[in-house]
Amino acid sequence: MQIGNTVLYFATMSSSADAVNMQIVADLEIEMMADLYRRMSSACQKKCIPTTYRDPDLSKGEAICVDRCVAKYLEVHDKLGKKLTQLTAPDEKVLQKLQQH
């Protein structure tokens, strides 16, 4: 019965490593999204909102500018992500083949 316990031990170790890897990936994704938000907020604020405030609320023009800026920023981010995925897909396939051997 020792072999069964050994297999169970390694299966548990593998799932623990998978859980740790998933947590690392999740943390990295949160960090990347926070960075995207900071950069987008900064860029759109510089572009759309004057440094001297006259009103506590955004004007209609400022609100429209911010809305369009955010939409464009996210659209470009999405397109870049898709392009990077296309460019790295062949490399990932090669890496997977190497790991299988």
Protein backbone atom coordinates (compact mmCIF):
# COMPACT_ATOMS: atom_id res chain seq x y z
CA MET A 1 0.00 0.00 0.00
CA GLN A 2 3.05 2.25 0.18
CA ILE A 3 2.93 2.86 -3.59
CA GLY A 4 -0.65 4.16 -3.40
CA ASN A 5 0.31 6.59 -0.63
CA THR A 6 3.31 7.78 -2.65
CA VAL A 7 1.18 8.40 -5.73
CA LEU A 8 -1.38 10.26 -3.61
CA TYR A 9 1.42 12.33 -2.05
CA PHE A 10 2.78 13.39 -5.47
CA ALA A 11 -0.73 14.09 -6.79
CA THR A 12 -1.36 16.32 -3.77
CA MET A 13 1.99 18.07 -4.27
CA SER A 14 1.15 18.65 -7.94
CA SER A 15 -2.25 20.15 -7.14
CA SER A 16 -0.65 22.33 -4.44
CA ALA A 17 1.89 23.60 -6.95
CA ASP A 18 -0.92 24.26 -9.43
CA ALA A 19 -2.82 26.23 -6.78
CA VAL A 20 0.27 28.32 -6.00
CA ASN A 21 0.85 28.96 -9.71
CA MET A 22 -2.78 29.97 -10.18
CA GLN A 23 -2.50 32.40 -7.26
CA ILE A 24 0.66 33.92 -8.73
CA VAL A 25 -1.05 34.35 -12.10
CA ALA A 26 -4.11 35.93 -10.43
CA ASP A 27 -1.94 38.34 -8.42
CA LEU A 28 0.00 39.30 -11.53
CA GLU A 29 -3.22 39.93 -13.45
CA ILE A 30 -4.54 42.18 -10.67
CA GLU A 31 -1.27 44.11 -10.64
CA MET A 32 -1.36 44.52 -14.42
CA MET A 33 -4.98 45.75 -14.38
CA ALA A 34 -4.19 48.24 -11.61
CA ASP A 35 -1.24 49.52 -13.66
CA LEU A 36 -3.47 49.83 -16.74
CA TYR A 37 -6.01 51.82 -14.72
CA ARG A 38 -3.34 54.15 -13.31
CA ARG A 39 -1.80 54.83 -16.72
CA MET A 40 -5.18 55.29 -18.39
CA SER A 41 -6.43 57.62 -15.66
CA SER A 42 -3.30 59.72 -15.83
CA ALA A 43 -3.28 59.96 -19.63
CA CYS A 44 -6.98 60.79 -19.93
CA GLN A 45 -6.86 63.30 -17.07
CA LYS A 46 -3.91 65.12 -18.68
CA LYS A 47 -5.68 65.16 -22.03
CA CYS A 48 -9.22 66.06 -20.94
CA ILE A 49 -9.20 67.91 -17.63
CA PRO A 50 -7.47 71.27 -17.20
CA THR A 51 -5.18 71.68 -14.20
CA THR A 52 -7.13 74.70 -12.96
CA TYR A 53 -10.52 73.58 -11.69
CA ARG A 54 -13.43 76.00 -12.04
CA ASP A 55 -16.20 73.57 -11.17
CA PRO A 56 -16.36 70.66 -8.72
CA ASP A 57 -17.98 68.50 -11.42
CA LEU A 58 -16.81 67.62 -14.90
CA SER A 59 -18.21 69.75 -17.68
CA LYS A 60 -20.09 67.99 -20.47
CA GLY A 61 -17.09 68.41 -22.80
CA GLU A 62 -14.67 67.03 -20.20
CA ALA A 63 -16.93 64.04 -19.51
CA ILE A 64 -17.26 63.25 -23.22
CA CYS A 65 -13.49 63.62 -23.67
CA VAL A 66 -12.76 61.26 -20.75
CA ASP A 67 -15.33 58.74 -22.03
CA ARG A 68 -13.80 58.70 -25.51
CA CYS A 69 -10.25 58.63 -24.16
CA VAL A 70 -10.99 55.62 -21.94
CA ALA A 71 -12.77 53.81 -24.79
CA LYS A 72 -9.82 54.38 -27.15
CA TYR A 73 -7.29 53.40 -24.49
CA LEU A 74 -9.10 50.12 -23.77
CA GLU A 75 -9.57 49.40 -27.48
CA VAL A 76 -5.86 49.84 -28.15
CA HIS A 77 -5.01 47.73 -25.09
CA ASP A 78 -7.30 44.96 -26.38
CA LYS A 79 -5.79 45.08 -29.89
CA LEU A 80 -2.25 44.97 -28.51
CA GLY A 81 -3.14 42.02 -26.29
CA LYS A 82 -4.56 40.09 -29.24
CA LYS A 83 -1.51 40.88 -31.40
CA LEU A 84 0.89 39.80 -28.65
CA THR A 85 -1.08 36.57 -28.25
CA GLN A 86 -0.74 35.90 -31.98
CA LEU A 87 2.98 36.63 -31.90
CA THR A 88 3.72 34.46 -28.88
CA ALA A 89 1.48 31.50 -29.80
CA PRO A 90 4.16 29.75 -31.92
CA ASP A 91 6.73 30.18 -29.14
CA GLU A 92 4.33 28.68 -26.60
CA LYS A 93 3.75 25.63 -28.81
CA VAL A 94 7.51 25.04 -29.10
CA LEU A 95 7.90 25.42 -25.34
CA GLN A 96 5.10 22.91 -24.70
CA LYS A 97 6.74 20.38 -27.03
CA LEU A 98 10.06 20.81 -25.26
CA GLN A 99 8.43 20.32 -21.86
CA GLN A 100 6.77 17.09 -23.03
CA HIS A 101 10.12 15.51 -23.90
